[in-house]
Amino acid sequence: MADVVKRTLTKFRRKDFPTLLERWNFGRRLGDVDLSGSKASIVKRIATLCLKYNIEEYELAEAEIIHYQLTEGRRLWKAYAIEYWKNEVDDRSENVVPEKLEDRFGDILDQFYESMIVSLMYKDAIWFRVQINETPLTPFFLVFYPNSTLVLSSPITASYKDIVLESFLLTLNAEKLKPLEICARDSQSIAELVLNSKSQGGFSAFRYNQVDSNPLVKDFKVRREIEERQKAKSSIDEYVKETFGEHQMPRLEQVHYKAMIPIRNSVSPTEASAMIQIHASFSGGTVLESMREMVKDKTMVAPLPSYLAKLPSMGRNKFSLDKKNA
């Protein structure tokens, strides 16, 4: 056990140990831990305390979930939408209890592989660490948002993927998982884009309760101010505010568009030779915030085409455009 404890703790960066001890259920039992000195000395102190208090395997797995949360930017998440059985009335109240889901998931998956499932609630999501015992050093992770249809998956070994996802469907008593056209390295940003797709960009003001609750006022002075504001909407600043909002947007690192466009004035517009295939990608630390700044400094000309202007509310980052909207 000492080697496993040391191997798990060594994965953490030195700066992450305060966060680990704060979030980790077992870590809170350790009391005040001296976090001064080198990473090796900190690992040694925490490992000694873990062994003193008889840490168990599932508690180390919880620490590994926290490590994945702190370093998730190194990997891509794949998003799925859960589709429940349409003709079945089912009580899904147990789908919000991490321990019950964890036990049910483990019982089902154990019928195919010896495994260990550990769950941890973080913010509004239940995180699952899935370990197939024949490959214990390569666990994978699922993130489920209760009372929604969103599931995120880290990369899963191909030979296990179908069984793991089918077992999770049975756990939720659902029919199938529908892949969504979005992937990113930040789980919280994917959740924001998918679950709050109708309140991103310019509509974020509604989510933050920044909209006048009684705009239909008959007072002339107020009406005149409204009319003046409407005229000002033609300005770049107003366009940016309406399109992207004023709040920080989710972190989206890449957006890809592809389109087949007919060549204008072609003799045979239906033939393949008369079509041009276009691929366009936007990539960077945060594409949505970059677009907002590019419109502000007029690098991108407003108004943007609808497939760019509506991007904050689309909940995806892969698009196929037809002649009509390309």
C-alpha atoms as a PDB file:
ATOM      1  CA  MET A   1       0.000   0.000   0.000  1.00  0.00           C
ATOM      2  CA  ALA A   2       2.895   2.386   0.750  1.00  0.00           C
ATOM      3  CA  ASP A   3       4.034   2.261  -2.891  1.00  0.00           C
ATOM      4  CA  VAL A   4       0.501   2.919  -4.170  1.00  0.00           C
ATOM      5  CA  VAL A   5       0.088   5.889  -1.816  1.00  0.00           C
ATOM      6  CA  LYS A   6       3.393   7.392  -2.894  1.00  0.00           C
ATOM      7  CA  ARG A   7       2.668   6.800  -6.598  1.00  0.00           C
ATOM      8  CA  THR A   8      -0.737   8.517  -6.324  1.00  0.00           C
ATOM      9  CA  LEU A   9       0.569  11.540  -4.403  1.00  0.00           C
ATOM     10  CA  THR A  10       3.566  11.964  -6.699  1.00  0.00           C
ATOM     11  CA  LYS A  11       1.177  12.670  -9.613  1.00  0.00           C
ATOM     12  CA  PHE A  12       0.200  15.991  -8.046  1.00  0.00           C
ATOM     13  CA  ARG A  13       2.049  19.213  -8.738  1.00  0.00           C
ATOM     14  CA  ARG A  14       3.473  20.918  -5.681  1.00  0.00           C
ATOM     15  CA  LYS A  15       1.021  23.823  -6.019  1.00  0.00           C
ATOM     16  CA  ASP A  16      -1.973  21.425  -5.994  1.00  0.00           C
ATOM     17  CA  PHE A  17      -1.533  19.933  -2.515  1.00  0.00           C
ATOM     18  CA  PRO A  18      -3.565  22.656  -0.698  1.00  0.00           C
ATOM     19  CA  THR A  19      -6.477  22.021  -3.079  1.00  0.00           C
ATOM     20  CA  LEU A  20      -6.146  18.243  -2.658  1.00  0.00           C
ATOM     21  CA  LEU A  21      -6.322  18.462   1.140  1.00  0.00           C
ATOM     22  CA  GLU A  22      -9.292  20.844   0.930  1.00  0.00           C
ATOM     23  CA  ARG A  23     -11.411  18.741  -1.484  1.00  0.00           C
ATOM     24  CA  TRP A  24     -10.356  15.271  -0.377  1.00  0.00           C
ATOM     25  CA  ASN A  25     -12.618  13.656   2.242  1.00  0.00           C
ATOM     26  CA  PHE A  26      -9.708  11.654   3.654  1.00  0.00           C
ATOM     27  CA  GLY A  27      -7.388  14.662   3.479  1.00  0.00           C
ATOM     28  CA  ARG A  28      -9.590  16.612   5.873  1.00  0.00           C
ATOM     29  CA  ARG A  29      -8.955  13.922   8.504  1.00  0.00           C
ATOM     30  CA  LEU A  30      -5.234  14.654   8.425  1.00  0.00           C
ATOM     31  CA  GLY A  31      -5.549  18.062  10.069  1.00  0.00           C
ATOM     32  CA  ASP A  32      -2.953  20.753   9.399  1.00  0.00           C
ATOM     33  CA  VAL A  33      -0.208  19.366   7.185  1.00  0.00           C
ATOM     34  CA  ASP A  34       3.111  21.137   6.745  1.00  0.00           C
ATOM     35  CA  LEU A  35       3.274  21.987   3.024  1.00  0.00           C
ATOM     36  CA  SER A  36       6.634  23.729   3.110  1.00  0.00           C
ATOM     37  CA  GLY A  37       9.758  22.426   1.447  1.00  0.00           C
ATOM     38  CA  SER A  38      10.189  20.367  -1.711  1.00  0.00           C
ATOM     39  CA  LYS A  39       7.501  18.307  -3.401  1.00  0.00           C
ATOM     40  CA  ALA A  40       9.261  15.099  -2.315  1.00  0.00           C
ATOM     41  CA  SER A  41       9.174  16.145   1.349  1.00  0.00           C
ATOM     42  CA  ILE A  42       5.481  17.085   1.144  1.00  0.00           C
ATOM     43  CA  VAL A  43       4.639  13.727  -0.475  1.00  0.00           C
ATOM     44  CA  LYS A  44       6.550  11.921   2.274  1.00  0.00           C
ATOM     45  CA  ARG A  45       4.679  13.774   5.059  1.00  0.00           C
ATOM     46  CA  ILE A  46       1.234  13.164   3.557  1.00  0.00           C
ATOM     47  CA  ALA A  47       2.049   9.521   2.739  1.00  0.00           C
ATOM     48  CA  THR A  48       3.174   8.903   6.323  1.00  0.00           C
ATOM     49  CA  LEU A  49      -0.121  10.311   7.636  1.00  0.00           C
ATOM     50  CA  CYS A  50      -2.141   8.280   5.108  1.00  0.00           C
ATOM     51  CA  LEU A  51      -0.555   5.043   6.311  1.00  0.00           C
ATOM     52  CA  LYS A  52      -0.954   6.105   9.957  1.00  0.00           C
ATOM     53  CA  TYR A  53      -4.709   6.572   9.472  1.00  0.00           C
ATOM     54  CA  ASN A  54      -5.079   3.352   7.431  1.00  0.00           C
ATOM     55  CA  ILE A  55      -6.090   4.869   4.119  1.00  0.00           C
ATOM     56  CA  GLU A  56      -8.162   2.590   1.895  1.00  0.00           C
ATOM     57  CA  GLU A  57      -7.997   1.990  -1.852  1.00  0.00           C
ATOM     58  CA  TYR A  58     -11.216   3.857  -2.656  1.00  0.00           C
ATOM     59  CA  GLU A  59      -9.891   6.931  -0.804  1.00  0.00           C
ATOM     60  CA  LEU A  60      -6.802   6.945  -3.003  1.00  0.00           C
ATOM     61  CA  ALA A  61      -9.115   6.673  -6.021  1.00  0.00           C
ATOM     62  CA  GLU A  62     -10.944   9.807  -4.812  1.00  0.00           C
ATOM     63  CA  ALA A  63      -7.586  11.600  -4.719  1.00  0.00           C
ATOM     64  CA  GLU A  64      -6.987  10.485  -8.296  1.00  0.00           C
ATOM     65  CA  ILE A  65     -10.323  12.016  -9.361  1.00  0.00           C
ATOM     66  CA  ILE A  66      -9.203  15.317  -7.839  1.00  0.00           C
ATOM     67  CA  HIS A  67      -5.891  15.031  -9.696  1.00  0.00           C
ATOM     68  CA  TYR A  68      -7.779  14.541 -12.967  1.00  0.00           C
ATOM     69  CA  GLN A  69      -9.918  17.599 -12.228  1.00  0.00           C
ATOM     70  CA  LEU A  70      -6.815  19.703 -11.619  1.00  0.00           C
ATOM     71  CA  THR A  71      -5.060  18.547 -14.805  1.00  0.00           C
ATOM     72  CA  GLU A  72      -7.979  17.920 -17.170  1.00  0.00           C
ATOM     73  CA  GLY A  73      -6.640  20.465 -19.656  1.00  0.00           C
ATOM     74  CA  ARG A  74      -4.237  17.790 -20.883  1.00  0.00           C
ATOM     75  CA  ARG A  75      -7.025  15.640 -22.356  1.00  0.00           C
ATOM     76  CA  LEU A  76     -10.151  15.973 -24.496  1.00  0.00           C
ATOM     77  CA  TRP A  77     -13.638  15.261 -23.164  1.00  0.00           C
ATOM     78  CA  LYS A  78     -16.266  13.702 -25.423  1.00  0.00           C
ATOM     79  CA  ALA A  79     -19.870  14.759 -24.758  1.00  0.00           C
ATOM     80  CA  TYR A  80     -22.979  12.560 -24.978  1.00  0.00           C
ATOM     81  CA  ALA A  81     -26.711  13.197 -24.565  1.00  0.00           C
ATOM     82  CA  ILE A  82     -28.671  10.571 -22.641  1.00  0.00           C
ATOM     83  CA  GLU A  83     -31.895   9.398 -24.305  1.00  0.00           C
ATOM     84  CA  TYR A  84     -34.291   7.765 -21.849  1.00  0.00           C
ATOM     85  CA  TRP A  85     -36.963   5.207 -22.753  1.00  0.00           C
ATOM     86  CA  LYS A  86     -39.945   7.151 -24.088  1.00  0.00           C
ATOM     87  CA  ASN A  87     -42.715   4.722 -23.137  1.00  0.00           C
ATOM     88  CA  GLU A  88     -41.511   3.922 -19.658  1.00  0.00           C
ATOM     89  CA  VAL A  89     -42.430   5.909 -16.587  1.00  0.00           C
ATOM     90  CA  ASP A  90     -39.396   5.687 -14.335  1.00  0.00           C
ATOM     91  CA  ASP A  91     -38.424   7.296 -11.050  1.00  0.00           C
ATOM     92  CA  ARG A  92     -35.002   8.809 -11.680  1.00  0.00           C
ATOM     93  CA  SER A  93     -34.655  10.261  -8.200  1.00  0.00           C
ATOM     94  CA  GLU A  94     -31.885   7.756  -7.404  1.00  0.00           C
ATOM     95  CA  ASN A  95     -29.877   9.121 -10.350  1.00  0.00           C
ATOM     96  CA  VAL A  96     -28.834  12.048  -8.191  1.00  0.00           C
ATOM     97  CA  VAL A  97     -27.322   9.953  -5.373  1.00  0.00           C
ATOM     98  CA  PRO A  98     -23.622   9.273  -6.104  1.00  0.00           C
ATOM     99  CA  GLU A  99     -23.300   6.265  -3.785  1.00  0.00           C
ATOM    100  CA  LYS A 100     -26.318   4.463  -5.286  1.00  0.00           C
ATOM    101  CA  LEU A 101     -25.149   5.106  -8.842  1.00  0.00           C
ATOM    102  CA  GLU A 102     -21.646   3.967  -7.916  1.00  0.00           C
ATOM    103  CA  ASP A 103     -22.912   0.656  -6.463  1.00  0.00           C
ATOM    104  CA  ARG A 104     -25.286  -0.015  -9.362  1.00  0.00           C
ATOM    105  CA  PHE A 105     -22.643   0.845 -11.990  1.00  0.00           C
ATOM    106  CA  GLY A 106     -20.121  -1.448 -10.301  1.00  0.00           C
ATOM    107  CA  ASP A 107     -22.568  -4.366 -10.040  1.00  0.00           C
ATOM    108  CA  ILE A 108     -23.381  -4.178 -13.750  1.00  0.00           C
ATOM    109  CA  LEU A 109     -19.810  -3.702 -14.982  1.00  0.00           C
ATOM    110  CA  ASP A 110     -18.531  -6.540 -12.753  1.00  0.00           C
ATOM    111  CA  GLN A 111     -20.588  -8.948 -14.838  1.00  0.00           C
ATOM    112  CA  PHE A 112     -18.149  -8.285 -17.700  1.00  0.00           C
ATOM    113  CA  TYR A 113     -14.887  -7.215 -16.034  1.00  0.00           C
ATOM    114  CA  GLU A 114     -13.571  -7.144 -12.497  1.00  0.00           C
ATOM    115  CA  SER A 115     -13.607  -3.437 -11.774  1.00  0.00           C
ATOM    116  CA  MET A 116     -13.597  -0.707  -9.147  1.00  0.00           C
ATOM    117  CA  ILE A 117     -15.927   2.278  -9.467  1.00  0.00           C
ATOM    118  CA  VAL A 118     -15.446   5.310  -7.230  1.00  0.00           C
ATOM    119  CA  SER A 119     -17.581   8.472  -7.382  1.00  0.00           C
ATOM    120  CA  LEU A 120     -17.073  11.994  -6.107  1.00  0.00           C
ATOM    121  CA  MET A 121     -19.499  14.933  -6.215  1.00  0.00           C
ATOM    122  CA  TYR A 122     -17.901  18.149  -7.436  1.00  0.00           C
ATOM    123  CA  LYS A 123     -19.869  21.320  -8.131  1.00  0.00           C
ATOM    124  CA  ASP A 124     -23.002  20.163 -10.012  1.00  0.00           C
ATOM    125  CA  ALA A 125     -21.598  16.903 -11.370  1.00  0.00           C
ATOM    126  CA  ILE A 126     -20.904  13.344 -10.239  1.00  0.00           C
ATOM    127  CA  TRP A 127     -17.413  12.212 -11.278  1.00  0.00           C
ATOM    128  CA  PHE A 128     -16.773   8.484 -11.735  1.00  0.00           C
ATOM    129  CA  ARG A 129     -13.336   6.887 -11.779  1.00  0.00           C
ATOM    130  CA  VAL A 130     -13.613   3.588 -13.652  1.00  0.00           C
ATOM    131  CA  GLN A 131     -10.831   1.051 -13.137  1.00  0.00           C
ATOM    132  CA  ILE A 132     -10.711  -2.275 -14.974  1.00  0.00           C
ATOM    133  CA  ASN A 133      -8.656  -4.431 -12.632  1.00  0.00           C
ATOM    134  CA  GLU A 134      -6.662  -6.111 -15.393  1.00  0.00           C
ATOM    135  CA  THR A 135      -5.280  -2.654 -16.319  1.00  0.00           C
ATOM    136  CA  PRO A 136      -5.300  -0.801 -12.953  1.00  0.00           C
ATOM    137  CA  LEU A 137      -2.842   1.914 -13.975  1.00  0.00           C
ATOM    138  CA  THR A 138      -5.018   3.289 -16.809  1.00  0.00           C
ATOM    139  CA  PRO A 139      -8.379   4.296 -15.296  1.00  0.00           C
ATOM    140  CA  PHE A 140     -10.835   6.479 -17.177  1.00  0.00           C
ATOM    141  CA  PHE A 141     -13.440   8.971 -16.063  1.00  0.00           C
ATOM    142  CA  LEU A 142     -17.122   9.752 -16.652  1.00  0.00           C
ATOM    143  CA  VAL A 143     -18.851  12.965 -15.549  1.00  0.00           C
ATOM    144  CA  PHE A 144     -22.639  12.900 -15.130  1.00  0.00           C
ATOM    145  CA  TYR A 145     -24.782  15.992 -14.543  1.00  0.00           C
ATOM    146  CA  PRO A 146     -27.875  14.896 -12.533  1.00  0.00           C
ATOM    147  CA  ASN A 147     -31.273  16.194 -13.632  1.00  0.00           C
ATOM    148  CA  SER A 148     -29.893  16.678 -17.137  1.00  0.00           C
ATOM    149  CA  THR A 149     -29.037  14.496 -20.126  1.00  0.00           C
ATOM    150  CA  LEU A 150     -25.324  15.356 -20.269  1.00  0.00           C
ATOM    151  CA  VAL A 151     -22.506  12.835 -19.813  1.00  0.00           C
ATOM    152  CA  LEU A 152     -18.816  13.510 -20.465  1.00  0.00           C
ATOM    153  CA  SER A 153     -16.263  10.797 -21.102  1.00  0.00           C
ATOM    154  CA  SER A 154     -12.486  10.864 -20.997  1.00  0.00           C
ATOM    155  CA  PRO A 155     -10.710   8.725 -23.626  1.00  0.00           C
ATOM    156  CA  ILE A 156     -11.606   5.043 -22.989  1.00  0.00           C
ATOM    157  CA  THR A 157      -9.563   2.058 -24.165  1.00  0.00           C
ATOM    158  CA  ALA A 158     -11.284   0.796 -27.325  1.00  0.00           C
ATOM    159  CA  SER A 159     -11.627  -2.798 -26.098  1.00  0.00           C
ATOM    160  CA  TYR A 160     -13.604  -1.636 -23.019  1.00  0.00           C
ATOM    161  CA  LYS A 161     -15.491   1.360 -24.393  1.00  0.00           C
ATOM    162  CA  ASP A 162     -18.747  -0.257 -25.588  1.00  0.00           C
ATOM    163  CA  ILE A 163     -19.209  -2.360 -22.451  1.00  0.00           C
ATOM    164  CA  VAL A 164     -18.429   0.545 -20.099  1.00  0.00           C
ATOM    165  CA  LEU A 165     -20.878   2.929 -21.818  1.00  0.00           C
ATOM    166  CA  GLU A 166     -23.600   0.257 -22.084  1.00  0.00           C
ATOM    167  CA  SER A 167     -23.155  -0.533 -18.380  1.00  0.00           C
ATOM    168  CA  PHE A 168     -23.528   3.145 -17.549  1.00  0.00           C
ATOM    169  CA  LEU A 169     -26.717   3.319 -19.641  1.00  0.00           C
ATOM    170  CA  LEU A 170     -28.174   0.398 -17.675  1.00  0.00           C
ATOM    171  CA  THR A 171     -27.131   2.153 -14.471  1.00  0.00           C
ATOM    172  CA  LEU A 172     -29.248   5.155 -15.462  1.00  0.00           C
ATOM    173  CA  ASN A 173     -32.027   2.953 -16.920  1.00  0.00           C
ATOM    174  CA  ALA A 174     -31.639   4.821 -20.218  1.00  0.00           C
ATOM    175  CA  GLU A 175     -31.960   3.730 -23.835  1.00  0.00           C
ATOM    176  CA  LYS A 176     -28.866   5.141 -25.550  1.00  0.00           C
ATOM    177  CA  LEU A 177     -26.110   7.748 -25.557  1.00  0.00           C
ATOM    178  CA  LYS A 178     -26.126  10.146 -28.487  1.00  0.00           C
ATOM    179  CA  PRO A 179     -22.689  11.649 -29.308  1.00  0.00           C
ATOM    180  CA  LEU A 180     -22.740  15.460 -29.400  1.00  0.00           C
ATOM    181  CA  GLU A 181     -20.766  17.496 -31.899  1.00  0.00           C
ATOM    182  CA  ILE A 182     -18.583  19.088 -29.268  1.00  0.00           C
ATOM    183  CA  CYS A 183     -15.357  18.188 -27.519  1.00  0.00           C
ATOM    184  CA  ALA A 184     -13.024  20.296 -25.388  1.00  0.00           C
ATOM    185  CA  ARG A 185     -10.449  20.064 -22.630  1.00  0.00           C
ATOM    186  CA  ASP A 186     -12.490  21.901 -19.997  1.00  0.00           C
ATOM    187  CA  SER A 187     -15.450  19.921 -18.609  1.00  0.00           C
ATOM    188  CA  GLN A 188     -17.075  22.975 -17.022  1.00  0.00           C
ATOM    189  CA  SER A 189     -17.009  24.859 -20.324  1.00  0.00           C
ATOM    190  CA  ILE A 190     -18.649  21.963 -22.197  1.00  0.00           C
ATOM    191  CA  ALA A 191     -21.345  21.824 -19.532  1.00  0.00           C
ATOM    192  CA  GLU A 192     -21.915  25.583 -19.831  1.00  0.00           C
ATOM    193  CA  LEU A 193     -22.155  25.416 -23.631  1.00  0.00           C
ATOM    194  CA  VAL A 194     -24.516  22.427 -23.672  1.00  0.00           C
ATOM    195  CA  LEU A 195     -26.703  22.972 -20.595  1.00  0.00           C
ATOM    196  CA  ASN A 196     -26.919  26.780 -20.912  1.00  0.00           C
ATOM    197  CA  SER A 197     -26.816  27.014 -24.704  1.00  0.00           C
ATOM    198  CA  LYS A 198     -29.853  29.310 -24.751  1.00  0.00           C
ATOM    199  CA  SER A 199     -28.332  31.779 -22.311  1.00  0.00           C
ATOM    200  CA  GLN A 200     -24.855  32.346 -23.719  1.00  0.00           C
ATOM    201  CA  GLY A 201     -23.507  35.390 -25.517  1.00  0.00           C
ATOM    202  CA  GLY A 202     -25.966  38.268 -25.587  1.00  0.00           C
ATOM    203  CA  PHE A 203     -28.576  36.193 -23.749  1.00  0.00           C
ATOM    204  CA  SER A 204     -26.309  35.784 -20.699  1.00  0.00           C
ATOM    205  CA  ALA A 205     -27.888  38.941 -19.266  1.00  0.00           C
ATOM    206  CA  PHE A 206     -31.050  36.918 -18.618  1.00  0.00           C
ATOM    207  CA  ARG A 207     -29.082  34.285 -16.677  1.00  0.00           C
ATOM    208  CA  TYR A 208     -27.481  36.993 -14.532  1.00  0.00           C
ATOM    209  CA  ASN A 209     -30.816  38.810 -14.000  1.00  0.00           C
ATOM    210  CA  GLN A 210     -29.579  41.969 -15.702  1.00  0.00           C
ATOM    211  CA  VAL A 211     -32.666  42.573 -17.846  1.00  0.00           C
ATOM    212  CA  ASP A 212     -35.214  45.249 -17.074  1.00  0.00           C
ATOM    213  CA  SER A 213     -38.203  43.407 -15.605  1.00  0.00           C
ATOM    214  CA  ASN A 214     -40.653  46.063 -16.826  1.00  0.00           C
ATOM    215  CA  PRO A 215     -39.465  47.540 -20.129  1.00  0.00           C
ATOM    216  CA  LEU A 216     -42.909  48.521 -21.441  1.00  0.00           C
ATOM    217  CA  VAL A 217     -43.105  51.841 -19.606  1.00  0.00           C
ATOM    218  CA  LYS A 218     -45.276  54.628 -21.038  1.00  0.00           C
ATOM    219  CA  ASP A 219     -43.325  57.490 -19.523  1.00  0.00           C
ATOM    220  CA  PHE A 220     -42.137  59.672 -22.438  1.00  0.00           C
ATOM    221  CA  LYS A 221     -38.657  60.264 -21.048  1.00  0.00           C
ATOM    222  CA  VAL A 222     -38.033  56.549 -20.574  1.00  0.00           C
ATOM    223  CA  ARG A 223     -39.488  55.800 -24.020  1.00  0.00           C
ATOM    224  CA  ARG A 224     -37.153  58.352 -25.595  1.00  0.00           C
ATOM    225  CA  GLU A 225     -34.158  56.773 -23.848  1.00  0.00           C
ATOM    226  CA  ILE A 226     -35.216  53.381 -25.183  1.00  0.00           C
ATOM    227  CA  GLU A 227     -35.476  54.793 -28.709  1.00  0.00           C
ATOM    228  CA  GLU A 228     -32.017  56.350 -28.416  1.00  0.00           C
ATOM    229  CA  ARG A 229     -30.555  53.071 -27.240  1.00  0.00           C
ATOM    230  CA  GLN A 230     -32.160  51.273 -30.181  1.00  0.00           C
ATOM    231  CA  LYS A 231     -30.480  53.681 -32.583  1.00  0.00           C
ATOM    232  CA  ALA A 232     -27.130  53.074 -30.889  1.00  0.00           C
ATOM    233  CA  LYS A 233     -27.355  49.351 -31.533  1.00  0.00           C
ATOM    234  CA  SER A 234     -25.798  49.860 -34.930  1.00  0.00           C
ATOM    235  CA  SER A 235     -22.481  50.600 -33.221  1.00  0.00           C
ATOM    236  CA  ILE A 236     -19.822  47.939 -32.850  1.00  0.00           C
ATOM    237  CA  ASP A 237     -20.007  47.965 -29.067  1.00  0.00           C
ATOM    238  CA  GLU A 238     -23.734  47.327 -29.056  1.00  0.00           C
ATOM    239  CA  TYR A 239     -23.366  44.596 -31.666  1.00  0.00           C
ATOM    240  CA  VAL A 240     -20.680  42.880 -29.567  1.00  0.00           C
ATOM    241  CA  LYS A 241     -22.832  43.173 -26.466  1.00  0.00           C
ATOM    242  CA  GLU A 242     -25.868  41.667 -28.197  1.00  0.00           C
ATOM    243  CA  THR A 243     -23.909  38.866 -29.867  1.00  0.00           C
ATOM    244  CA  PHE A 244     -21.411  37.851 -27.204  1.00  0.00           C
ATOM    245  CA  GLY A 245     -22.764  39.462 -24.045  1.00  0.00           C
ATOM    246  CA  GLU A 246     -20.693  41.155 -21.348  1.00  0.00           C
ATOM    247  CA  HIS A 247     -19.774  38.121 -19.262  1.00  0.00           C
ATOM    248  CA  GLN A 248     -16.882  35.732 -19.570  1.00  0.00           C
ATOM    249  CA  MET A 249     -17.784  32.920 -21.930  1.00  0.00           C
ATOM    250  CA  PRO A 250     -16.929  29.205 -21.668  1.00  0.00           C
ATOM    251  CA  ARG A 251     -13.478  28.146 -22.853  1.00  0.00           C
ATOM    252  CA  LEU A 252     -13.731  26.599 -26.320  1.00  0.00           C
ATOM    253  CA  GLU A 253     -10.354  25.771 -27.861  1.00  0.00           C
ATOM    254  CA  GLN A 254     -11.289  24.743 -31.394  1.00  0.00           C
ATOM    255  CA  VAL A 255     -14.152  25.183 -33.866  1.00  0.00           C
ATOM    256  CA  HIS A 256     -14.184  23.427 -37.219  1.00  0.00           C
ATOM    257  CA  TYR A 257     -16.389  24.163 -40.244  1.00  0.00           C
ATOM    258  CA  LYS A 258     -16.597  22.216 -43.485  1.00  0.00           C
ATOM    259  CA  ALA A 259     -18.691  23.030 -46.552  1.00  0.00           C
ATOM    260  CA  MET A 260     -19.239  21.976 -50.162  1.00  0.00           C
ATOM    261  CA  ILE A 261     -19.872  25.133 -52.193  1.00  0.00           C
ATOM    262  CA  PRO A 262     -20.831  25.169 -55.915  1.00  0.00           C
ATOM    263  CA  ILE A 263     -18.547  27.221 -58.140  1.00  0.00           C
ATOM    264  CA  ARG A 264     -20.456  30.244 -59.390  1.00  0.00           C
ATOM    265  CA  ASN A 265     -21.391  30.255 -63.110  1.00  0.00           C
ATOM    266  CA  SER A 266     -20.348  26.617 -63.490  1.00  0.00           C
ATOM    267  CA  VAL A 267     -21.767  24.816 -66.535  1.00  0.00           C
ATOM    268  CA  SER A 268     -22.719  21.726 -64.506  1.00  0.00           C
ATOM    269  CA  PRO A 269     -23.194  22.847 -60.912  1.00  0.00           C
ATOM    270  CA  THR A 270     -24.203  19.357 -59.756  1.00  0.00           C
ATOM    271  CA  GLU A 271     -20.970  17.653 -60.824  1.00  0.00           C
ATOM    272  CA  ALA A 272     -18.204  17.093 -58.268  1.00  0.00           C
ATOM    273  CA  SER A 273     -15.795  19.108 -60.392  1.00  0.00           C
ATOM    274  CA  ALA A 274     -18.094  22.101 -60.002  1.00  0.00           C
ATOM    275  CA  MET A 275     -17.924  21.997 -56.216  1.00  0.00           C
ATOM    276  CA  ILE A 276     -15.248  23.337 -53.919  1.00  0.00           C
ATOM    277  CA  GLN A 277     -14.654  21.804 -50.512  1.00  0.00           C
ATOM    278  CA  ILE A 278     -13.797  24.244 -47.750  1.00  0.00           C
ATOM    279  CA  HIS A 279     -12.411  23.473 -44.278  1.00  0.00           C
ATOM    280  CA  ALA A 280     -12.003  26.300 -41.788  1.00  0.00           C
ATOM    281  CA  SER A 281     -10.765  25.988 -38.221  1.00  0.00           C
ATOM    282  CA  PHE A 282     -10.531  28.503 -35.392  1.00  0.00           C
ATOM    283  CA  SER A 283      -8.249  27.426 -32.563  1.00  0.00           C
ATOM    284  CA  GLY A 284      -6.633  28.986 -29.526  1.00  0.00           C
ATOM    285  CA  GLY A 285      -6.919  29.314 -25.778  1.00  0.00           C
ATOM    286  CA  THR A 286     -10.523  30.567 -25.949  1.00  0.00           C
ATOM    287  CA  VAL A 287     -12.151  30.941 -29.360  1.00  0.00           C
ATOM    288  CA  LEU A 288     -15.326  32.710 -28.189  1.00  0.00           C
ATOM    289  CA  GLU A 289     -13.483  35.416 -26.263  1.00  0.00           C
ATOM    290  CA  SER A 290     -11.071  35.883 -29.195  1.00  0.00           C
ATOM    291  CA  MET A 291     -13.958  36.366 -31.630  1.00  0.00           C
ATOM    292  CA  ARG A 292     -15.436  39.024 -29.374  1.00  0.00           C
ATOM    293  CA  GLU A 293     -12.137  40.934 -29.330  1.00  0.00           C
ATOM    294  CA  MET A 294     -11.647  40.525 -33.103  1.00  0.00           C
ATOM    295  CA  VAL A 295     -15.059  42.076 -33.770  1.00  0.00           C
ATOM    296  CA  LYS A 296     -14.241  44.926 -31.379  1.00  0.00           C
ATOM    297  CA  ASP A 297     -11.021  45.787 -33.208  1.00  0.00           C
ATOM    298  CA  LYS A 298     -12.688  45.164 -36.597  1.00  0.00           C
ATOM    299  CA  THR A 299     -10.440  42.246 -37.568  1.00  0.00           C
ATOM    300  CA  MET A 300     -13.731  40.407 -38.093  1.00  0.00           C
ATOM    301  CA  VAL A 301     -16.360  42.534 -39.811  1.00  0.00           C
ATOM    302  CA  ALA A 302     -19.763  42.893 -38.154  1.00  0.00           C
ATOM    303  CA  PRO A 303     -22.384  41.656 -38.592  1.00  0.00           C
ATOM    304  CA  LEU A 304     -20.959  38.135 -38.524  1.00  0.00           C
ATOM    305  CA  PRO A 305     -22.569  35.341 -40.557  1.00  0.00           C
ATOM    306  CA  SER A 306     -25.167  33.468 -38.507  1.00  0.00           C
ATOM    307  CA  TYR A 307     -23.002  30.352 -38.113  1.00  0.00           C
ATOM    308  CA  LEU A 308     -20.412  32.506 -36.291  1.00  0.00           C
ATOM    309  CA  ALA A 309     -22.773  34.864 -34.473  1.00  0.00           C
ATOM    310  CA  LYS A 310     -24.789  31.963 -33.006  1.00  0.00           C
ATOM    311  CA  LEU A 311     -21.722  29.942 -31.988  1.00  0.00           C
ATOM    312  CA  PRO A 312     -22.025  30.694 -28.224  1.00  0.00           C
ATOM    313  CA  SER A 313     -25.520  29.177 -28.231  1.00  0.00           C
ATOM    314  CA  MET A 314     -24.954  26.138 -30.455  1.00  0.00           C
ATOM    315  CA  GLY A 315     -23.523  23.741 -27.854  1.00  0.00           C
ATOM    316  CA  ARG A 316     -21.127  22.183 -30.382  1.00  0.00           C
ATOM    317  CA  ASN A 317     -17.846  22.876 -32.169  1.00  0.00           C
ATOM    318  CA  LYS A 318     -18.106  20.870 -35.403  1.00  0.00           C
ATOM    319  CA  PHE A 319     -20.307  22.104 -38.260  1.00  0.00           C
ATOM    320  CA  SER A 320     -21.203  21.105 -41.823  1.00  0.00           C
ATOM    321  CA  LEU A 321     -22.531  24.042 -43.848  1.00  0.00           C
ATOM    322  CA  ASP A 322     -24.701  23.813 -46.933  1.00  0.00           C
ATOM    323  CA  LYS A 323     -24.980  26.281 -49.810  1.00  0.00           C
ATOM    324  CA  LYS A 324     -27.708  28.180 -47.994  1.00  0.00           C
ATOM    325  CA  ASN A 325     -25.756  29.077 -44.835  1.00  0.00           C
ATOM    326  CA  ALA A 326     -22.146  28.890 -46.023  1.00  0.00           C
END
